[in-house]
Structure formats: C-alpha cells, structure tokens
Amino acid sequence: MESGPSTVAVTPPLVLVCDDIESIRDIIRINLELEGFDVLEAVDGHEAMSHLIDPSARVPDVILLDAQTPRRDGWWAIAAIRSHPRLRDVPTILVTASTSAHDRSEAALAGFDAFVAKPFDPVELVEVVSRLAADGRPSAPAQ
C-alpha cells in the first residue's frame, strides 16, 4: 500500500499587536499577515493583558506594545507580562515615538527584547518580529 506525503499542520506564529491607533495596527497587521503571521490586536495594555491571561487562549510568539496607550500603557503591560509565569518568556517589542537613549535604556531595563521607533520601516519591523518569533527571547545577561 502506497501512502502519499505526510502533511503536518504548521501553526503560523501568533503576534499580539497593541497600539491605540487603528491605522498603525492595520499597517503592522497587514505586513505581518503578508509574511504568514497570525495577528491579534489590542488597543491598550489592559485589553492586551485580558487576551494574554486567558488560559484558553494561545500564547503569542511575539508581543508588540506601544509605550503610550489609554488606560494601561506598554510600560504597565511589560511589567505584568514579565511577572506572569505563562508570559514571562514571550519576546516583547516596544514600538514608540519616544526614541531618546534614555527611553531605549528604560525599555531594556523594563524587559523589552527589542525597540522599534515610530515612524518605522515595515520591512524592518517584520524582520525584528521574524527573528524573535524564530529565536525566542535573547538570553538575559548574568547578574
């Protein structure tokens, strides 16, 4: 009996995009979907965490957070993510218009794995997301 090629269902990487500006979420979503990612959207840190802590929901492969959103911002969300056992190892990117060296330093201290400045090049953003989705969180330096 001859069998055909085996097919293995491959689940596309899931990215949570949190930004209060719909057009920015749309740009990110479209570019990621074109590269084969599944995308979940949230308008602020509160909505993002509601998705993330749902035990029946799939944990994203990468999370993008805007620094400044209503209700709960990306700074609040990264603290919640890094303290949650199910989420602490998910690679997280800060996407923000605040681009000073101080902001970059604070982002690293808060636990972000990458920093993308607005306005961003969609190709570069997809490259960063793809790298983190494939490689996971970079190892934290020994303290």
N, C-alpha and C. Protein backbone atom coordinates (compact mmCIF):
# COMPACT_ATOMS: atom_id res chain seq x y z
N MET A 1 0.84 -1.18 0.00
CA MET A 1 0.00 0.00 0.00
C MET A 1 0.89 1.24 0.00
N GLU A 2 0.68 2.09 -0.95
CA GLU A 2 1.49 3.29 -1.08
C GLU A 2 0.79 4.44 -0.37
N SER A 3 1.59 5.18 0.36
CA SER A 3 0.99 6.33 1.05
C SER A 3 1.57 7.60 0.45
N GLY A 4 0.78 8.62 0.46
CA GLY A 4 1.20 9.91 -0.06
C GLY A 4 2.09 10.62 0.94
N PRO A 5 2.58 11.78 0.57
CA PRO A 5 3.43 12.53 1.50
C PRO A 5 2.63 12.89 2.76
N SER A 6 3.32 12.79 3.88
CA SER A 6 2.63 13.13 5.12
C SER A 6 2.51 14.65 5.21
N THR A 7 1.42 15.08 5.74
CA THR A 7 1.22 16.51 5.92
C THR A 7 1.18 16.81 7.40
N VAL A 8 1.96 17.76 7.78
CA VAL A 8 2.00 18.18 9.17
C VAL A 8 1.42 19.59 9.21
N ALA A 9 0.43 19.76 10.04
CA ALA A 9 -0.17 21.09 10.16
C ALA A 9 0.80 22.00 10.91
N VAL A 10 1.16 23.07 10.30
CA VAL A 10 2.05 24.04 10.92
C VAL A 10 1.23 25.26 11.28
N THR A 11 1.27 25.59 12.55
CA THR A 11 0.54 26.77 13.01
C THR A 11 1.40 28.00 12.78
N PRO A 12 0.87 29.00 12.08
CA PRO A 12 1.65 30.22 11.87
C PRO A 12 1.96 30.89 13.21
N PRO A 13 3.11 31.56 13.31
CA PRO A 13 3.40 32.29 14.54
C PRO A 13 2.32 33.34 14.81
N LEU A 14 2.00 33.52 16.08
CA LEU A 14 1.00 34.49 16.50
C LEU A 14 1.68 35.71 17.11
N VAL A 15 1.26 36.89 16.67
CA VAL A 15 1.79 38.14 17.19
C VAL A 15 0.64 38.96 17.75
N LEU A 16 0.81 39.44 18.98
CA LEU A 16 -0.15 40.38 19.57
C LEU A 16 0.37 41.79 19.32
N VAL A 17 -0.45 42.61 18.68
CA VAL A 17 -0.10 44.00 18.38
C VAL A 17 -0.98 44.90 19.23
N CYS A 18 -0.35 45.67 20.10
CA CYS A 18 -1.08 46.57 21.00
C CYS A 18 -0.70 48.01 20.68
N ASP A 19 -1.67 48.74 20.12
CA ASP A 19 -1.48 50.16 19.81
C ASP A 19 -2.86 50.80 19.77
N ASP A 20 -3.00 52.00 20.29
CA ASP A 20 -4.31 52.65 20.32
C ASP A 20 -4.68 53.29 19.00
N ILE A 21 -3.75 53.38 18.06
CA ILE A 21 -4.04 54.00 16.76
C ILE A 21 -4.32 52.90 15.74
N GLU A 22 -5.56 52.87 15.27
CA GLU A 22 -6.01 51.80 14.37
C GLU A 22 -5.16 51.71 13.11
N SER A 23 -4.79 52.85 12.53
CA SER A 23 -4.02 52.80 11.29
C SER A 23 -2.65 52.17 11.50
N ILE A 24 -2.05 52.37 12.65
CA ILE A 24 -0.76 51.73 12.94
C ILE A 24 -0.95 50.23 13.12
N ARG A 25 -2.01 49.84 13.85
CA ARG A 25 -2.29 48.40 13.98
C ARG A 25 -2.51 47.78 12.61
N ASP A 26 -3.24 48.49 11.73
CA ASP A 26 -3.51 47.98 10.39
C ASP A 26 -2.22 47.78 9.60
N ILE A 27 -1.33 48.76 9.62
CA ILE A 27 -0.06 48.65 8.89
C ILE A 27 0.74 47.46 9.39
N ILE A 28 0.83 47.33 10.71
CA ILE A 28 1.59 46.22 11.28
C ILE A 28 0.92 44.89 10.93
N ARG A 29 -0.40 44.81 11.13
CA ARG A 29 -1.12 43.56 10.86
C ARG A 29 -0.96 43.13 9.41
N ILE A 30 -1.19 44.05 8.48
CA ILE A 30 -1.11 43.70 7.06
C ILE A 30 0.28 43.19 6.70
N ASN A 31 1.32 43.88 7.16
CA ASN A 31 2.68 43.46 6.84
C ASN A 31 3.03 42.11 7.46
N LEU A 32 2.56 41.87 8.67
CA LEU A 32 2.83 40.59 9.30
C LEU A 32 2.04 39.46 8.64
N GLU A 33 0.78 39.73 8.32
CA GLU A 33 -0.04 38.71 7.65
C GLU A 33 0.54 38.34 6.28
N LEU A 34 1.08 39.32 5.57
CA LEU A 34 1.70 39.05 4.27
C LEU A 34 2.89 38.10 4.41
N GLU A 35 3.50 38.08 5.59
CA GLU A 35 4.64 37.20 5.85
C GLU A 35 4.23 35.91 6.54
N GLY A 36 2.92 35.68 6.67
CA GLY A 36 2.44 34.41 7.19
C GLY A 36 2.15 34.36 8.68
N PHE A 37 2.18 35.50 9.35
CA PHE A 37 1.87 35.55 10.77
C PHE A 37 0.37 35.64 11.00
N ASP A 38 -0.10 35.08 12.11
CA ASP A 38 -1.43 35.37 12.62
C ASP A 38 -1.28 36.57 13.54
N VAL A 39 -2.27 37.46 13.54
CA VAL A 39 -2.17 38.69 14.32
C VAL A 39 -3.41 38.86 15.18
N LEU A 40 -3.18 39.17 16.44
CA LEU A 40 -4.22 39.51 17.40
C LEU A 40 -3.99 40.97 17.76
N GLU A 41 -5.06 41.75 17.86
CA GLU A 41 -4.91 43.19 18.12
C GLU A 41 -5.52 43.58 19.46
N ALA A 42 -4.92 44.60 20.08
CA ALA A 42 -5.43 45.21 21.30
C ALA A 42 -5.20 46.71 21.22
N VAL A 43 -6.09 47.49 21.85
CA VAL A 43 -5.97 48.95 21.79
C VAL A 43 -5.17 49.53 22.95
N ASP A 44 -4.98 48.75 24.02
CA ASP A 44 -4.19 49.24 25.14
C ASP A 44 -3.70 48.05 25.97
N GLY A 45 -2.88 48.35 26.96
CA GLY A 45 -2.31 47.29 27.79
C GLY A 45 -3.35 46.48 28.53
N HIS A 46 -4.42 47.12 28.94
CA HIS A 46 -5.49 46.41 29.64
C HIS A 46 -6.11 45.34 28.74
N GLU A 47 -6.46 45.72 27.52
CA GLU A 47 -7.05 44.76 26.57
C GLU A 47 -6.04 43.67 26.21
N ALA A 48 -4.78 44.06 26.03
CA ALA A 48 -3.74 43.07 25.72
C ALA A 48 -3.63 42.03 26.83
N MET A 49 -3.59 42.48 28.07
CA MET A 49 -3.46 41.54 29.19
C MET A 49 -4.70 40.67 29.33
N SER A 50 -5.88 41.19 29.00
CA SER A 50 -7.09 40.37 29.03
C SER A 50 -6.95 39.17 28.09
N HIS A 51 -6.40 39.41 26.91
CA HIS A 51 -6.15 38.31 25.97
C HIS A 51 -5.07 37.38 26.51
N LEU A 52 -4.00 37.96 26.99
CA LEU A 52 -2.83 37.18 27.37
C LEU A 52 -3.05 36.28 28.58
N ILE A 53 -3.87 36.71 29.52
CA ILE A 53 -4.05 35.88 30.73
C ILE A 53 -5.20 34.89 30.60
N ASP A 54 -5.89 34.90 29.47
CA ASP A 54 -6.96 33.93 29.23
C ASP A 54 -6.31 32.55 29.09
N PRO A 55 -6.57 31.64 30.03
CA PRO A 55 -5.90 30.34 29.98
C PRO A 55 -6.27 29.49 28.77
N SER A 56 -7.38 29.81 28.11
CA SER A 56 -7.76 29.04 26.93
C SER A 56 -7.18 29.63 25.64
N ALA A 57 -6.59 30.81 25.74
CA ALA A 57 -6.05 31.48 24.55
C ALA A 57 -4.62 31.02 24.28
N ARG A 58 -4.27 31.02 23.03
CA ARG A 58 -2.91 30.69 22.61
C ARG A 58 -1.96 31.81 23.03
N VAL A 59 -0.83 31.46 23.57
CA VAL A 59 0.18 32.45 23.95
C VAL A 59 0.88 32.92 22.68
N PRO A 60 0.97 34.23 22.48
CA PRO A 60 1.63 34.73 21.27
C PRO A 60 3.11 34.35 21.24
N ASP A 61 3.65 34.30 20.04
CA ASP A 61 5.08 34.06 19.86
C ASP A 61 5.87 35.35 20.06
N VAL A 62 5.23 36.49 19.80
CA VAL A 62 5.84 37.81 19.97
C VAL A 62 4.74 38.78 20.35
N ILE A 63 5.08 39.76 21.20
CA ILE A 63 4.14 40.81 21.60
C ILE A 63 4.76 42.16 21.24
N LEU A 64 3.98 43.01 20.57
CA LEU A 64 4.39 44.38 20.28
C LEU A 64 3.54 45.31 21.14
N LEU A 65 4.19 46.19 21.88
CA LEU A 65 3.47 47.12 22.75
C LEU A 65 3.85 48.56 22.44
N ASP A 66 2.84 49.41 22.32
CA ASP A 66 3.05 50.84 22.21
C ASP A 66 3.32 51.35 23.62
N ALA A 67 4.24 52.28 23.75
CA ALA A 67 4.58 52.81 25.07
C ALA A 67 3.42 53.60 25.67
N GLN A 68 2.69 54.35 24.84
CA GLN A 68 1.66 55.23 25.35
C GLN A 68 0.31 54.88 24.77
N THR A 69 -0.52 54.26 25.61
CA THR A 69 -1.90 53.94 25.23
C THR A 69 -2.80 54.33 26.39
N PRO A 70 -4.09 54.51 26.13
CA PRO A 70 -5.01 54.87 27.22
C PRO A 70 -5.14 53.73 28.24
N ARG A 71 -5.75 54.01 29.31
CA ARG A 71 -5.97 53.08 30.43
C ARG A 71 -4.66 52.52 30.95
N ARG A 72 -4.14 51.51 30.32
CA ARG A 72 -2.87 50.89 30.72
C ARG A 72 -1.93 50.93 29.54
N ASP A 73 -0.71 51.43 29.76
CA ASP A 73 0.23 51.59 28.64
C ASP A 73 1.18 50.40 28.54
N GLY A 74 2.09 50.49 27.59
CA GLY A 74 3.05 49.42 27.36
C GLY A 74 3.99 49.19 28.53
N TRP A 75 4.29 50.23 29.29
CA TRP A 75 5.16 50.10 30.46
C TRP A 75 4.47 49.27 31.54
N TRP A 76 3.19 49.51 31.73
CA TRP A 76 2.41 48.70 32.69
C TRP A 76 2.32 47.27 32.19
N ALA A 77 2.05 47.10 30.90
CA ALA A 77 1.87 45.77 30.34
C ALA A 77 3.14 44.94 30.41
N ILE A 78 4.31 45.54 30.15
CA ILE A 78 5.55 44.75 30.18
C ILE A 78 5.81 44.27 31.61
N ALA A 79 5.51 45.08 32.60
CA ALA A 79 5.68 44.64 34.00
C ALA A 79 4.77 43.45 34.30
N ALA A 80 3.54 43.51 33.82
CA ALA A 80 2.60 42.40 34.03
C ALA A 80 3.05 41.15 33.28
N ILE A 81 3.54 41.32 32.08
CA ILE A 81 3.99 40.19 31.26
C ILE A 81 5.19 39.51 31.92
N ARG A 82 6.17 40.28 32.31
CA ARG A 82 7.40 39.70 32.87
C ARG A 82 7.17 39.05 34.24
N SER A 83 6.08 39.42 34.92
CA SER A 83 5.80 38.82 36.23
C SER A 83 4.82 37.64 36.13
N HIS A 84 4.30 37.36 34.94
CA HIS A 84 3.32 36.28 34.77
C HIS A 84 4.04 35.01 34.32
N PRO A 85 3.90 33.90 35.04
CA PRO A 85 4.63 32.67 34.70
C PRO A 85 4.41 32.17 33.27
N ARG A 86 3.22 32.33 32.75
CA ARG A 86 2.90 31.84 31.40
C ARG A 86 3.44 32.75 30.31
N LEU A 87 3.73 34.00 30.66
CA LEU A 87 4.09 35.00 29.65
C LEU A 87 5.52 35.51 29.74
N ARG A 88 6.19 35.27 30.86
CA ARG A 88 7.48 35.93 31.12
C ARG A 88 8.54 35.70 30.05
N ASP A 89 8.44 34.60 29.31
CA ASP A 89 9.46 34.29 28.30
C ASP A 89 9.06 34.65 26.88
N VAL A 90 7.93 35.35 26.72
CA VAL A 90 7.49 35.75 25.38
C VAL A 90 8.29 36.98 24.95
N PRO A 91 8.94 36.93 23.78
CA PRO A 91 9.67 38.10 23.28
C PRO A 91 8.72 39.28 23.10
N THR A 92 9.17 40.44 23.55
CA THR A 92 8.32 41.63 23.53
C THR A 92 9.08 42.81 22.94
N ILE A 93 8.39 43.55 22.07
CA ILE A 93 8.98 44.69 21.37
C ILE A 93 8.25 45.96 21.78
N LEU A 94 9.00 47.00 22.13
CA LEU A 94 8.42 48.31 22.38
C LEU A 94 8.41 49.07 21.07
N VAL A 95 7.23 49.54 20.66
CA VAL A 95 7.08 50.33 19.44
C VAL A 95 6.62 51.71 19.89
N THR A 96 7.47 52.72 19.70
CA THR A 96 7.17 54.02 20.30
C THR A 96 7.78 55.18 19.52
N ALA A 97 7.18 56.34 19.68
CA ALA A 97 7.73 57.56 19.11
C ALA A 97 8.76 58.19 20.05
N SER A 98 8.84 57.70 21.27
CA SER A 98 9.84 58.19 22.24
C SER A 98 11.15 57.46 21.97
N THR A 99 12.11 58.17 21.38
CA THR A 99 13.29 57.49 20.86
C THR A 99 14.61 57.92 21.50
N SER A 100 14.56 58.57 22.62
CA SER A 100 15.82 59.02 23.23
C SER A 100 16.62 57.82 23.75
N ALA A 101 17.90 58.05 23.99
CA ALA A 101 18.75 57.00 24.56
C ALA A 101 18.20 56.56 25.91
N HIS A 102 17.65 57.50 26.67
CA HIS A 102 17.06 57.18 27.97
C HIS A 102 15.88 56.22 27.80
N ASP A 103 15.02 56.48 26.81
CA ASP A 103 13.87 55.61 26.55
C ASP A 103 14.32 54.20 26.17
N ARG A 104 15.35 54.12 25.35
CA ARG A 104 15.88 52.81 24.95
C ARG A 104 16.44 52.06 26.16
N SER A 105 17.14 52.77 27.00
CA SER A 105 17.70 52.16 28.21
C SER A 105 16.59 51.69 29.15
N GLU A 106 15.59 52.53 29.34
CA GLU A 106 14.46 52.17 30.20
C GLU A 106 13.71 50.95 29.64
N ALA A 107 13.59 50.89 28.32
CA ALA A 107 12.90 49.75 27.69
C ALA A 107 13.65 48.45 27.98
N ALA A 108 14.96 48.48 27.86
CA ALA A 108 15.76 47.29 28.15
C ALA A 108 15.64 46.90 29.62
N LEU A 109 15.70 47.88 30.51
CA LEU A 109 15.57 47.61 31.95
C LEU A 109 14.20 47.04 32.29
N ALA A 110 13.17 47.48 31.57
CA ALA A 110 11.80 47.01 31.84
C ALA A 110 11.56 45.59 31.34
N GLY A 111 12.45 45.10 30.47
CA GLY A 111 12.30 43.73 29.99
C GLY A 111 11.91 43.59 28.53
N PHE A 112 11.92 44.70 27.78
CA PHE A 112 11.66 44.60 26.34
C PHE A 112 12.86 43.98 25.65
N ASP A 113 12.62 43.18 24.64
CA ASP A 113 13.68 42.49 23.92
C ASP A 113 14.13 43.24 22.68
N ALA A 114 13.31 44.18 22.22
CA ALA A 114 13.66 44.99 21.05
C ALA A 114 12.93 46.32 21.15
N PHE A 115 13.43 47.29 20.41
CA PHE A 115 12.92 48.65 20.43
C PHE A 115 12.77 49.08 18.98
N VAL A 116 11.55 49.49 18.60
CA VAL A 116 11.30 49.96 17.24
C VAL A 116 10.72 51.36 17.34
N ALA A 117 11.39 52.32 16.68
CA ALA A 117 10.98 53.71 16.74
C ALA A 117 9.94 54.01 15.68
N LYS A 118 8.92 54.79 16.08
CA LYS A 118 7.93 55.30 15.13
C LYS A 118 8.45 56.63 14.59
N PRO A 119 8.27 56.93 13.33
CA PRO A 119 7.71 56.06 12.31
C PRO A 119 8.72 54.96 11.98
N PHE A 120 8.19 53.78 11.67
CA PHE A 120 9.06 52.63 11.43
C PHE A 120 8.97 52.19 9.98
N ASP A 121 10.00 51.48 9.56
CA ASP A 121 10.01 50.85 8.25
C ASP A 121 9.34 49.49 8.42
N PRO A 122 8.20 49.23 7.76
CA PRO A 122 7.51 47.96 7.94
C PRO A 122 8.38 46.73 7.68
N VAL A 123 9.29 46.83 6.72
CA VAL A 123 10.17 45.70 6.42
C VAL A 123 11.07 45.40 7.61
N GLU A 124 11.63 46.45 8.21
CA GLU A 124 12.49 46.26 9.38
C GLU A 124 11.70 45.71 10.56
N LEU A 125 10.48 46.19 10.75
CA LEU A 125 9.64 45.69 11.84
C LEU A 125 9.37 44.20 11.66
N VAL A 126 9.03 43.79 10.44
CA VAL A 126 8.78 42.37 10.17
C VAL A 126 10.04 41.56 10.41
N GLU A 127 11.21 42.09 10.07
CA GLU A 127 12.47 41.38 10.30
C GLU A 127 12.70 41.14 11.79
N VAL A 128 12.45 42.16 12.61
CA VAL A 128 12.63 42.03 14.06
C VAL A 128 11.64 41.00 14.62
N VAL A 129 10.39 41.09 14.21
CA VAL A 129 9.37 40.15 14.68
C VAL A 129 9.74 38.72 14.25
N SER A 130 10.15 38.56 13.00
CA SER A 130 10.51 37.23 12.49
C SER A 130 11.67 36.63 13.27
N ARG A 131 12.68 37.45 13.55
CA ARG A 131 13.84 36.97 14.30
C ARG A 131 13.43 36.52 15.69
N LEU A 132 12.63 37.32 16.38
CA LEU A 132 12.22 36.96 17.74
C LEU A 132 11.26 35.77 17.74
N ALA A 133 10.40 35.67 16.72
CA ALA A 133 9.49 34.53 16.64
C ALA A 133 10.28 33.23 16.44
N ALA A 134 11.34 33.30 15.67
CA ALA A 134 12.15 32.11 15.38
C ALA A 134 13.10 31.76 16.54
N ASP A 135 13.70 32.78 17.14
CA ASP A 135 14.76 32.55 18.12
C ASP A 135 14.31 32.64 19.57
N GLY A 136 13.14 33.24 19.84
CA GLY A 136 12.70 33.45 21.21
C GLY A 136 13.43 34.61 21.86
N ARG A 137 13.25 34.73 23.15
CA ARG A 137 13.87 35.82 23.90
C ARG A 137 15.38 35.65 23.94
N PRO A 138 16.11 36.71 23.71
CA PRO A 138 17.56 36.63 23.89
C PRO A 138 17.86 36.32 25.36
N SER A 139 18.92 35.61 25.60
CA SER A 139 19.29 35.28 26.98
C SER A 139 19.59 36.55 27.73
N ALA A 140 19.08 36.61 28.94
CA ALA A 140 19.36 37.76 29.79
C ALA A 140 20.80 37.66 30.28
N PRO A 141 21.50 38.79 30.39
CA PRO A 141 22.87 38.75 30.88
C PRO A 141 22.90 38.28 32.33
N ALA A 142 23.93 37.56 32.68
CA ALA A 142 24.09 37.09 34.07
C ALA A 142 24.31 38.27 34.99
N GLN A 143 23.70 38.20 36.15
CA GLN A 143 23.86 39.32 37.10
C GLN A 143 24.60 38.88 38.32
